C-alpha cells in the first residue's frame, strides 16, 4: 500500500470525486490524480490540505503506511477451491490492488485448450511464468514456447502478440509475476 492508494480509498469511502477533493485541497485535478497514482508526492502542507479534504488525519495515514504488511503468506489450506468459470481460466492474486505498487502476482488456473491473453494496458512490462502443473504454450510475438511442469520463462510483455494456451489434458497451474 502507498500514500496514493490510501488517499484514493479514503476519497471513495467518502463518496468524493477527484475534482471535489482537488478543489477542497486547493490543487489541480491533474495533480490530485498524480498523487493517487504515485507519480507525484505532495509537500507536507499539501498533504495536510488533501487529508482534510478527504476527512482523514494525516498522522493516521502515515501510521498506516509505516505499519503496513511487508510480507504476504498464503498457506495452501487458506486458498479456496478453484471454480473455473466459462472463460476457462481463473486467477488467484496474492494481495489486493492497493498492495501492488511495483509487482503483480497470481496463480493462474487454465482449462485444457483455453487461452489467456497478456494483461491489458501494459507498457514496457516484464513477466515471469513458472508452470507448476500441466503443459502450456506461450505465444510471444512470432515465437511459440512449449512449457511443462517446472519450466519457467522471463519475457518482456507484448500485449498485442502474447497469450498462454493450455496444451495439456488437465487444468494447468501457473505462477505468474509481472511488473506494473
N, C-alpha and C. Protein backbone atom coordinates (compact mmCIF):
# COMPACT_ATOMS: atom_id res chain seq x y z
N UNK A 1 0.84 -1.17 0.00
CA UNK A 1 0.00 0.00 0.00
C UNK A 1 0.88 1.23 0.00
N UNK A 2 0.41 2.30 -0.62
CA UNK A 2 1.17 3.53 -0.69
C UNK A 2 0.24 4.71 -0.39
N UNK A 3 0.81 5.87 -0.27
CA UNK A 3 0.03 7.05 0.11
C UNK A 3 -1.10 7.32 -0.89
N UNK A 4 -0.79 7.23 -2.17
CA UNK A 4 -1.81 7.47 -3.19
C UNK A 4 -2.99 6.52 -3.05
N UNK A 5 -2.70 5.25 -2.81
CA UNK A 5 -3.78 4.25 -2.64
C UNK A 5 -4.62 4.55 -1.42
N UNK A 6 -3.95 4.96 -0.33
CA UNK A 6 -4.69 5.30 0.89
C UNK A 6 -5.61 6.49 0.66
N UNK A 7 -5.09 7.51 -0.01
CA UNK A 7 -5.91 8.70 -0.27
C UNK A 7 -7.07 8.38 -1.21
N UNK A 8 -6.82 7.57 -2.23
CA UNK A 8 -7.90 7.18 -3.16
C UNK A 8 -8.98 6.41 -2.41
N UNK A 9 -8.56 5.43 -1.58
CA UNK A 9 -9.53 4.64 -0.84
C UNK A 9 -10.37 5.54 0.07
N UNK A 10 -9.72 6.45 0.77
CA UNK A 10 -10.43 7.36 1.68
C UNK A 10 -11.40 8.25 0.89
N UNK A 11 -10.95 8.76 -0.26
CA UNK A 11 -11.81 9.61 -1.10
C UNK A 11 -13.05 8.83 -1.53
N UNK A 12 -12.87 7.59 -1.95
CA UNK A 12 -14.00 6.79 -2.41
C UNK A 12 -14.93 6.42 -1.26
N UNK A 13 -14.34 6.14 -0.09
CA UNK A 13 -15.17 5.85 1.09
C UNK A 13 -16.07 7.04 1.42
N UNK A 14 -15.57 8.25 1.19
CA UNK A 14 -16.33 9.46 1.47
C UNK A 14 -17.28 9.81 0.32
N UNK A 15 -17.21 9.07 -0.78
CA UNK A 15 -18.08 9.33 -1.92
C UNK A 15 -17.73 10.61 -2.65
N UNK A 16 -16.45 10.97 -2.63
CA UNK A 16 -16.00 12.21 -3.25
C UNK A 16 -15.37 11.96 -4.61
N UNK A 17 -15.54 12.91 -5.50
CA UNK A 17 -14.87 12.83 -6.80
C UNK A 17 -13.46 13.39 -6.68
N UNK A 18 -12.65 13.05 -7.64
CA UNK A 18 -11.29 13.59 -7.69
C UNK A 18 -11.33 15.11 -7.77
N UNK A 19 -12.24 15.61 -8.57
CA UNK A 19 -12.38 17.07 -8.74
C UNK A 19 -12.77 17.74 -7.42
N UNK A 20 -13.69 17.15 -6.68
CA UNK A 20 -14.13 17.74 -5.41
C UNK A 20 -12.98 17.80 -4.41
N UNK A 21 -12.20 16.73 -4.32
CA UNK A 21 -11.07 16.71 -3.39
C UNK A 21 -10.03 17.73 -3.81
N UNK A 22 -9.74 17.79 -5.10
CA UNK A 22 -8.75 18.76 -5.61
C UNK A 22 -9.17 20.19 -5.27
N UNK A 23 -10.45 20.50 -5.48
CA UNK A 23 -10.94 21.85 -5.17
C UNK A 23 -10.83 22.16 -3.68
N UNK A 24 -11.23 21.21 -2.84
CA UNK A 24 -11.15 21.41 -1.38
C UNK A 24 -9.71 21.57 -0.91
N UNK A 25 -8.79 20.84 -1.57
CA UNK A 25 -7.38 20.87 -1.14
C UNK A 25 -6.59 22.01 -1.78
N UNK A 26 -7.21 22.68 -2.76
CA UNK A 26 -6.52 23.79 -3.41
C UNK A 26 -5.43 23.34 -4.39
N UNK A 27 -5.64 22.19 -5.02
CA UNK A 27 -4.70 21.69 -6.01
C UNK A 27 -5.47 21.38 -7.29
N UNK A 28 -4.76 21.17 -8.37
CA UNK A 28 -5.43 20.84 -9.63
C UNK A 28 -5.89 19.38 -9.59
N UNK A 29 -6.89 19.10 -10.40
CA UNK A 29 -7.38 17.73 -10.50
C UNK A 29 -6.28 16.82 -11.05
N UNK A 30 -5.49 17.33 -11.99
CA UNK A 30 -4.38 16.56 -12.56
C UNK A 30 -3.35 16.21 -11.51
N UNK A 31 -3.02 17.18 -10.64
CA UNK A 31 -2.04 16.91 -9.58
C UNK A 31 -2.61 15.87 -8.61
N UNK A 32 -3.88 16.00 -8.28
CA UNK A 32 -4.50 15.04 -7.36
C UNK A 32 -4.47 13.64 -7.96
N UNK A 33 -4.72 13.53 -9.25
CA UNK A 33 -4.65 12.23 -9.93
C UNK A 33 -3.23 11.68 -9.86
N UNK A 34 -2.24 12.53 -10.05
CA UNK A 34 -0.85 12.08 -9.98
C UNK A 34 -0.47 11.62 -8.57
N UNK A 35 -1.02 12.29 -7.56
CA UNK A 35 -0.77 11.86 -6.17
C UNK A 35 -1.37 10.49 -5.95
N UNK A 36 -2.63 10.29 -6.37
CA UNK A 36 -3.30 9.00 -6.18
C UNK A 36 -2.60 7.87 -6.95
N UNK A 37 -1.97 8.21 -8.07
CA UNK A 37 -1.27 7.21 -8.87
C UNK A 37 0.22 7.14 -8.56
N UNK A 38 0.63 7.79 -7.50
CA UNK A 38 2.01 7.77 -7.02
C UNK A 38 3.03 8.27 -8.03
N UNK A 39 2.59 9.21 -8.85
CA UNK A 39 3.50 9.87 -9.79
C UNK A 39 4.14 11.07 -9.10
N UNK A 40 3.36 11.75 -8.27
CA UNK A 40 3.83 12.92 -7.52
C UNK A 40 3.63 12.67 -6.03
N UNK A 41 4.53 13.24 -5.24
CA UNK A 41 4.41 13.20 -3.79
C UNK A 41 4.11 14.61 -3.30
N UNK A 42 3.03 14.78 -2.55
CA UNK A 42 2.68 16.13 -2.09
C UNK A 42 3.62 16.62 -1.00
N UNK A 43 3.78 17.94 -0.94
CA UNK A 43 4.53 18.54 0.17
C UNK A 43 3.73 18.32 1.45
N UNK A 44 4.34 18.58 2.58
CA UNK A 44 3.65 18.39 3.86
C UNK A 44 2.40 19.27 3.94
N UNK A 45 2.52 20.53 3.54
CA UNK A 45 1.35 21.42 3.56
C UNK A 45 0.24 20.90 2.66
N UNK A 46 0.60 20.44 1.47
CA UNK A 46 -0.40 19.92 0.54
C UNK A 46 -1.01 18.64 1.07
N UNK A 47 -0.21 17.78 1.70
CA UNK A 47 -0.74 16.56 2.31
C UNK A 47 -1.76 16.90 3.39
N UNK A 48 -1.47 17.92 4.19
CA UNK A 48 -2.42 18.35 5.22
C UNK A 48 -3.74 18.78 4.58
N UNK A 49 -3.65 19.54 3.48
CA UNK A 49 -4.86 20.01 2.80
C UNK A 49 -5.64 18.86 2.17
N UNK A 50 -4.93 17.92 1.54
CA UNK A 50 -5.60 16.78 0.92
C UNK A 50 -6.25 15.91 1.99
N UNK A 51 -5.53 15.69 3.08
CA UNK A 51 -6.08 14.87 4.17
C UNK A 51 -7.35 15.49 4.71
N UNK A 52 -7.34 16.80 4.91
CA UNK A 52 -8.54 17.48 5.40
C UNK A 52 -9.68 17.34 4.39
N UNK A 53 -9.34 17.42 3.11
CA UNK A 53 -10.37 17.32 2.05
C UNK A 53 -11.05 15.96 2.03
N UNK A 54 -10.33 14.92 2.41
CA UNK A 54 -10.92 13.58 2.42
C UNK A 54 -11.34 13.15 3.82
N UNK A 55 -11.22 14.06 4.79
CA UNK A 55 -11.65 13.77 6.15
C UNK A 55 -10.76 12.78 6.87
N UNK A 56 -9.47 12.83 6.60
CA UNK A 56 -8.53 11.90 7.22
C UNK A 56 -7.52 12.65 8.06
N UNK A 57 -7.04 11.99 9.09
CA UNK A 57 -5.95 12.53 9.90
C UNK A 57 -4.64 12.15 9.21
N UNK A 58 -3.81 13.13 8.83
CA UNK A 58 -2.57 12.80 8.11
C UNK A 58 -1.64 11.90 8.93
N UNK A 59 -1.64 12.05 10.23
CA UNK A 59 -0.82 11.19 11.08
C UNK A 59 -1.28 9.74 11.00
N UNK A 60 -2.60 9.53 10.97
CA UNK A 60 -3.14 8.18 10.84
C UNK A 60 -2.75 7.56 9.50
N UNK A 61 -2.80 8.38 8.43
CA UNK A 61 -2.41 7.87 7.11
C UNK A 61 -0.95 7.43 7.11
N UNK A 62 -0.09 8.26 7.67
CA UNK A 62 1.34 7.93 7.71
C UNK A 62 1.60 6.71 8.58
N UNK A 63 0.86 6.58 9.69
CA UNK A 63 1.00 5.39 10.52
C UNK A 63 0.57 4.13 9.77
N UNK A 64 -0.49 4.23 8.98
CA UNK A 64 -0.92 3.09 8.18
C UNK A 64 0.18 2.67 7.21
N UNK A 65 0.83 3.65 6.60
CA UNK A 65 1.92 3.34 5.68
C UNK A 65 3.07 2.68 6.42
N UNK A 66 3.40 3.20 7.59
CA UNK A 66 4.52 2.67 8.36
C UNK A 66 4.23 1.26 8.86
N UNK A 67 2.99 0.99 9.22
CA UNK A 67 2.63 -0.29 9.82
C UNK A 67 2.08 -1.31 8.83
N UNK A 68 2.17 -1.01 7.54
CA UNK A 68 1.60 -1.92 6.54
C UNK A 68 2.33 -3.25 6.50
N UNK A 69 1.63 -4.22 5.99
CA UNK A 69 2.19 -5.56 5.84
C UNK A 69 3.36 -5.50 4.87
N UNK A 70 4.44 -6.14 5.20
CA UNK A 70 5.61 -6.22 4.33
C UNK A 70 5.83 -7.64 3.83
N UNK A 71 4.99 -8.55 4.30
CA UNK A 71 5.13 -9.95 3.95
C UNK A 71 3.74 -10.54 3.80
N UNK A 72 3.51 -11.25 2.72
CA UNK A 72 2.22 -11.89 2.49
C UNK A 72 2.45 -13.39 2.42
N UNK A 73 1.80 -14.13 3.28
CA UNK A 73 1.90 -15.58 3.28
C UNK A 73 0.51 -16.15 3.05
N UNK A 74 0.43 -17.07 2.12
CA UNK A 74 -0.84 -17.75 1.87
C UNK A 74 -0.55 -19.24 1.94
N UNK A 75 -1.11 -19.90 2.93
CA UNK A 75 -0.93 -21.34 3.08
C UNK A 75 -1.95 -22.06 2.22
N UNK A 76 -1.61 -23.22 1.76
CA UNK A 76 -2.46 -23.99 0.85
C UNK A 76 -3.89 -24.11 1.39
N UNK A 77 -4.03 -24.36 2.68
CA UNK A 77 -5.38 -24.54 3.24
C UNK A 77 -6.19 -23.23 3.24
N UNK A 78 -5.52 -22.09 3.05
CA UNK A 78 -6.21 -20.81 3.00
C UNK A 78 -6.77 -20.49 1.62
N UNK A 79 -6.30 -21.21 0.59
CA UNK A 79 -6.81 -20.99 -0.76
C UNK A 79 -8.13 -21.72 -0.91
N UNK A 80 -9.15 -21.02 -1.36
CA UNK A 80 -10.41 -21.73 -1.61
C UNK A 80 -10.27 -22.64 -2.83
N UNK A 81 -11.15 -23.64 -2.91
CA UNK A 81 -11.16 -24.46 -4.12
C UNK A 81 -11.46 -23.56 -5.31
N UNK A 82 -10.82 -23.85 -6.39
CA UNK A 82 -10.96 -23.02 -7.58
C UNK A 82 -12.09 -23.54 -8.45
N UNK A 83 -13.06 -22.69 -8.71
CA UNK A 83 -14.12 -23.00 -9.66
C UNK A 83 -13.84 -22.16 -10.89
N UNK A 84 -13.52 -22.83 -11.97
CA UNK A 84 -13.16 -22.12 -13.19
C UNK A 84 -14.43 -21.79 -13.96
N UNK A 85 -14.66 -20.50 -14.27
CA UNK A 85 -15.87 -20.11 -14.98
C UNK A 85 -15.81 -20.50 -16.46
N UNK A 86 -16.85 -20.12 -17.20
CA UNK A 86 -16.96 -20.47 -18.62
C UNK A 86 -15.80 -19.94 -19.46
N UNK A 87 -15.09 -18.95 -18.97
CA UNK A 87 -13.96 -18.40 -19.72
C UNK A 87 -12.81 -19.39 -19.83
N UNK A 88 -12.78 -20.36 -18.92
CA UNK A 88 -11.75 -21.38 -18.96
C UNK A 88 -10.51 -21.06 -18.16
N UNK A 89 -10.52 -19.92 -17.46
CA UNK A 89 -9.38 -19.62 -16.60
C UNK A 89 -9.83 -18.86 -15.36
N UNK A 90 -9.05 -19.00 -14.30
CA UNK A 90 -9.29 -18.28 -13.05
C UNK A 90 -7.95 -17.77 -12.55
N UNK A 91 -8.00 -16.65 -11.85
CA UNK A 91 -6.79 -16.03 -11.30
C UNK A 91 -6.96 -15.87 -9.81
N UNK A 92 -5.94 -16.23 -9.04
CA UNK A 92 -5.93 -16.02 -7.59
C UNK A 92 -4.72 -15.17 -7.26
N UNK A 93 -4.99 -13.90 -6.94
CA UNK A 93 -3.90 -12.96 -6.65
C UNK A 93 -3.44 -13.12 -5.21
N UNK A 94 -2.20 -12.74 -4.96
CA UNK A 94 -1.62 -12.86 -3.63
C UNK A 94 -2.06 -11.73 -2.71
N UNK A 95 -2.30 -10.55 -3.27
CA UNK A 95 -2.72 -9.41 -2.45
C UNK A 95 -3.60 -8.49 -3.28
N UNK A 96 -4.31 -7.59 -2.60
CA UNK A 96 -5.24 -6.69 -3.25
C UNK A 96 -4.55 -5.60 -4.05
N UNK A 97 -5.31 -4.89 -4.91
CA UNK A 97 -4.71 -3.87 -5.77
C UNK A 97 -4.02 -2.75 -5.01
N UNK A 98 -4.50 -2.42 -3.82
CA UNK A 98 -3.87 -1.34 -3.06
C UNK A 98 -2.51 -1.74 -2.53
N UNK A 99 -2.21 -3.02 -2.52
CA UNK A 99 -0.92 -3.51 -2.03
C UNK A 99 0.09 -3.69 -3.16
N UNK A 100 -0.36 -3.54 -4.40
CA UNK A 100 0.53 -3.78 -5.55
C UNK A 100 1.00 -2.45 -6.10
N UNK A 101 2.29 -2.16 -5.95
CA UNK A 101 2.83 -0.91 -6.46
C UNK A 101 3.86 -1.14 -7.56
N UNK A 102 4.62 -2.19 -7.47
CA UNK A 102 5.70 -2.46 -8.42
C UNK A 102 5.47 -3.79 -9.13
N UNK A 103 5.02 -4.80 -8.37
CA UNK A 103 4.80 -6.14 -8.91
C UNK A 103 3.35 -6.56 -8.74
N UNK A 104 2.90 -7.35 -9.69
CA UNK A 104 1.61 -8.01 -9.57
C UNK A 104 1.93 -9.51 -9.62
N UNK A 105 1.19 -10.32 -8.91
CA UNK A 105 1.48 -11.74 -8.90
C UNK A 105 0.19 -12.52 -8.69
N UNK A 106 0.17 -13.72 -9.25
CA UNK A 106 -1.03 -14.54 -9.14
C UNK A 106 -0.70 -15.97 -9.49
N UNK A 107 -1.61 -16.85 -9.11
CA UNK A 107 -1.60 -18.22 -9.59
C UNK A 107 -2.73 -18.30 -10.60
N UNK A 108 -2.42 -18.78 -11.80
CA UNK A 108 -3.39 -18.89 -12.88
C UNK A 108 -3.82 -20.35 -13.03
N UNK A 109 -5.10 -20.57 -13.22
CA UNK A 109 -5.65 -21.89 -13.45
C UNK A 109 -6.27 -21.86 -14.84
N UNK A 110 -5.80 -22.72 -15.71
CA UNK A 110 -6.20 -22.67 -17.12
C UNK A 110 -6.67 -24.05 -17.58
N UNK A 111 -7.92 -24.11 -18.04
CA UNK A 111 -8.51 -25.36 -18.52
C UNK A 111 -7.87 -25.79 -19.84
N UNK A 112 -7.91 -27.09 -20.16
CA UNK A 112 -7.37 -27.58 -21.44
C UNK A 112 -7.95 -26.83 -22.64
N UNK A 113 -7.09 -26.52 -23.59
CA UNK A 113 -7.45 -25.83 -24.85
C UNK A 113 -7.89 -24.39 -24.67
N UNK A 114 -7.82 -23.85 -23.47
CA UNK A 114 -8.19 -22.45 -23.23
C UNK A 114 -6.94 -21.58 -23.23
N UNK A 115 -7.15 -20.28 -23.56
CA UNK A 115 -6.04 -19.32 -23.61
C UNK A 115 -6.34 -18.13 -22.73
N UNK A 116 -5.29 -17.47 -22.32
CA UNK A 116 -5.41 -16.24 -21.56
C UNK A 116 -4.43 -15.23 -22.17
N UNK A 117 -4.90 -14.01 -22.42
CA UNK A 117 -4.01 -13.00 -23.02
C UNK A 117 -3.13 -12.35 -21.95
N UNK A 118 -2.23 -11.50 -22.42
CA UNK A 118 -1.40 -10.71 -21.51
C UNK A 118 -2.29 -9.66 -20.84
N UNK A 119 -1.83 -9.12 -19.72
CA UNK A 119 -2.59 -8.07 -19.03
C UNK A 119 -2.85 -6.89 -19.95
N UNK A 120 -3.96 -6.23 -19.75
CA UNK A 120 -4.29 -5.04 -20.55
C UNK A 120 -3.47 -3.85 -20.09
N UNK A 121 -3.28 -2.91 -20.98
CA UNK A 121 -2.63 -1.63 -20.70
C UNK A 121 -1.22 -1.76 -20.14
N UNK A 122 -0.50 -2.81 -20.52
CA UNK A 122 0.88 -2.98 -20.08
C UNK A 122 1.79 -2.23 -21.03
N UNK A 123 2.67 -1.43 -20.46
CA UNK A 123 3.65 -0.72 -21.27
C UNK A 123 5.03 -1.05 -20.73
N UNK A 124 5.84 -1.67 -21.53
CA UNK A 124 7.22 -1.95 -21.15
C UNK A 124 7.31 -2.80 -19.88
N UNK A 125 6.40 -3.75 -19.73
CA UNK A 125 6.39 -4.60 -18.54
C UNK A 125 7.17 -5.88 -18.75
N UNK A 126 7.51 -6.51 -17.65
CA UNK A 126 8.18 -7.80 -17.69
C UNK A 126 7.33 -8.81 -16.93
N UNK A 127 7.43 -10.07 -17.35
CA UNK A 127 6.64 -11.12 -16.72
C UNK A 127 7.49 -12.37 -16.54
N UNK A 128 7.18 -13.11 -15.49
CA UNK A 128 7.78 -14.41 -15.26
C UNK A 128 6.64 -15.40 -15.12
N UNK A 129 6.75 -16.49 -15.85
CA UNK A 129 5.78 -17.57 -15.76
C UNK A 129 6.52 -18.82 -15.33
N UNK A 130 5.95 -19.54 -14.37
CA UNK A 130 6.51 -20.82 -13.95
C UNK A 130 5.36 -21.82 -13.92
N UNK A 131 5.47 -22.86 -14.71
CA UNK A 131 4.41 -23.86 -14.79
C UNK A 131 4.54 -24.78 -13.58
N UNK A 132 3.55 -24.74 -12.72
CA UNK A 132 3.54 -25.59 -11.53
C UNK A 132 2.97 -26.97 -11.85
N UNK A 133 2.00 -26.98 -12.77
CA UNK A 133 1.35 -28.25 -13.14
C UNK A 133 0.79 -28.11 -14.53
N UNK A 134 1.05 -29.09 -15.37
CA UNK A 134 0.45 -29.12 -16.69
C UNK A 134 1.40 -28.75 -17.82
N UNK A 135 0.81 -28.51 -18.98
CA UNK A 135 1.56 -28.14 -20.18
C UNK A 135 0.88 -26.93 -20.80
N UNK A 136 1.67 -25.93 -21.14
CA UNK A 136 1.14 -24.73 -21.77
C UNK A 136 2.07 -24.32 -22.91
N UNK A 137 1.54 -23.43 -23.74
CA UNK A 137 2.36 -22.84 -24.79
C UNK A 137 2.25 -21.33 -24.66
N UNK A 138 3.39 -20.68 -24.57
CA UNK A 138 3.44 -19.22 -24.56
C UNK A 138 3.64 -18.77 -25.99
N UNK A 139 2.73 -17.93 -26.46
CA UNK A 139 2.92 -17.29 -27.75
C UNK A 139 3.40 -15.88 -27.45
N UNK A 140 4.57 -15.55 -27.97
CA UNK A 140 5.20 -14.26 -27.71
C UNK A 140 5.73 -13.74 -29.04
N UNK A 141 4.97 -12.80 -29.62
CA UNK A 141 5.32 -12.35 -30.96
C UNK A 141 5.15 -13.51 -31.92
N UNK A 142 6.20 -13.84 -32.66
CA UNK A 142 6.15 -14.96 -33.59
C UNK A 142 6.68 -16.25 -32.98
N UNK A 143 7.14 -16.18 -31.72
CA UNK A 143 7.68 -17.36 -31.06
C UNK A 143 6.59 -18.15 -30.35
N UNK A 144 6.74 -19.46 -30.38
CA UNK A 144 5.88 -20.38 -29.63
C UNK A 144 6.80 -21.14 -28.70
N UNK A 145 6.55 -21.03 -27.39
CA UNK A 145 7.42 -21.64 -26.40
C UNK A 145 6.61 -22.67 -25.61
N UNK A 146 6.88 -23.98 -25.83
CA UNK A 146 6.19 -25.00 -25.03
C UNK A 146 6.80 -25.06 -23.63
N UNK A 147 5.95 -25.18 -22.62
CA UNK A 147 6.39 -25.23 -21.23
C UNK A 147 5.65 -26.35 -20.51
N UNK A 148 6.34 -27.05 -19.61
CA UNK A 148 5.72 -28.12 -18.84
C UNK A 148 6.10 -27.96 -17.37
N UNK A 149 5.61 -28.87 -16.53
CA UNK A 149 5.88 -28.81 -15.08
C UNK A 149 7.32 -28.37 -14.79
N UNK A 150 7.46 -27.32 -14.01
CA UNK A 150 8.78 -26.87 -13.58
C UNK A 150 9.47 -25.90 -14.52
N UNK A 151 8.99 -25.75 -15.76
CA UNK A 151 9.61 -24.82 -16.70
C UNK A 151 9.21 -23.39 -16.34
N UNK A 152 10.11 -22.46 -16.63
CA UNK A 152 9.85 -21.04 -16.36
C UNK A 152 10.36 -20.21 -17.52
N UNK A 153 9.79 -19.03 -17.68
CA UNK A 153 10.22 -18.11 -18.73
C UNK A 153 10.09 -16.69 -18.20
N UNK A 154 11.01 -15.82 -18.60
CA UNK A 154 11.00 -14.40 -18.26
C UNK A 154 10.92 -13.66 -19.59
N UNK A 155 9.87 -12.82 -19.76
CA UNK A 155 9.66 -12.13 -21.04
C UNK A 155 9.34 -10.66 -20.82
N UNK A 156 9.62 -9.87 -21.85
CA UNK A 156 9.11 -8.51 -21.91
C UNK A 156 7.70 -8.63 -22.49
N UNK A 157 6.72 -8.06 -21.81
CA UNK A 157 5.33 -8.19 -22.23
C UNK A 157 5.13 -7.65 -23.64
N UNK A 158 4.30 -8.34 -24.39
CA UNK A 158 3.95 -7.94 -25.75
C UNK A 158 2.42 -8.03 -25.85
N UNK A 159 1.71 -7.01 -25.33
CA UNK A 159 0.25 -7.09 -25.23
C UNK A 159 -0.47 -7.39 -26.54
N UNK A 160 0.09 -6.97 -27.65
CA UNK A 160 -0.57 -7.18 -28.94
C UNK A 160 -0.40 -8.62 -29.45
N UNK A 161 0.68 -9.30 -29.02
CA UNK A 161 1.02 -10.59 -29.62
C UNK A 161 1.45 -11.61 -28.59
N UNK A 162 0.72 -11.70 -27.49
CA UNK A 162 1.13 -12.63 -26.44
C UNK A 162 -0.09 -13.30 -25.83
N UNK A 163 0.03 -14.61 -25.59
CA UNK A 163 -1.02 -15.35 -24.89
C UNK A 163 -0.40 -16.63 -24.34
N UNK A 164 -1.15 -17.28 -23.45
CA UNK A 164 -0.76 -18.57 -22.89
C UNK A 164 -1.92 -19.51 -23.17
N UNK A 165 -1.63 -20.68 -23.72
CA UNK A 165 -2.66 -21.67 -24.03
C UNK A 165 -2.32 -22.98 -23.33
N UNK A 166 -3.33 -23.58 -22.72
CA UNK A 166 -3.14 -24.89 -22.12
C UNK A 166 -3.18 -25.93 -23.23
N UNK A 167 -2.05 -26.60 -23.44
CA UNK A 167 -1.95 -27.62 -24.49
C UNK A 167 -2.09 -29.04 -23.92
N UNK A 168 -2.28 -29.14 -22.61
CA UNK A 168 -2.39 -30.45 -21.97
C UNK A 168 -3.81 -30.94 -21.85
N UNK A 169 -3.96 -32.04 -21.11
CA UNK A 169 -5.28 -32.66 -20.92
C UNK A 169 -5.88 -32.39 -19.56
N UNK A 170 -5.16 -31.66 -18.72
CA UNK A 170 -5.68 -31.34 -17.38
C UNK A 170 -5.50 -29.84 -17.13
N UNK A 171 -6.12 -29.37 -16.08
CA UNK A 171 -6.01 -27.96 -15.74
C UNK A 171 -4.54 -27.63 -15.47
N UNK A 172 -4.06 -26.57 -16.11
CA UNK A 172 -2.69 -26.12 -15.89
C UNK A 172 -2.69 -25.10 -14.75
N UNK A 173 -1.66 -25.14 -13.94
CA UNK A 173 -1.50 -24.19 -12.84
C UNK A 173 -0.17 -23.47 -13.06
N UNK A 174 -0.23 -22.15 -13.11
CA UNK A 174 0.94 -21.34 -13.47
C UNK A 174 1.14 -20.24 -12.44
N UNK A 175 2.35 -20.12 -11.94
CA UNK A 175 2.71 -18.98 -11.10
C UNK A 175 3.12 -17.86 -12.04
N UNK A 176 2.49 -16.71 -11.89
CA UNK A 176 2.76 -15.58 -12.76
C UNK A 176 3.15 -14.37 -11.92
N UNK A 177 4.22 -13.67 -12.33
CA UNK A 177 4.65 -12.42 -11.68
C UNK A 177 4.93 -11.42 -12.79
N UNK A 178 4.43 -10.21 -12.64
CA UNK A 178 4.66 -9.17 -13.66
C UNK A 178 4.84 -7.81 -13.05
N UNK A 179 5.61 -6.97 -13.73
CA UNK A 179 5.79 -5.60 -13.27
C UNK A 179 4.55 -4.78 -13.61
N UNK A 180 4.34 -3.74 -12.84
CA UNK A 180 3.18 -2.87 -13.08
C UNK A 180 3.63 -1.64 -13.82
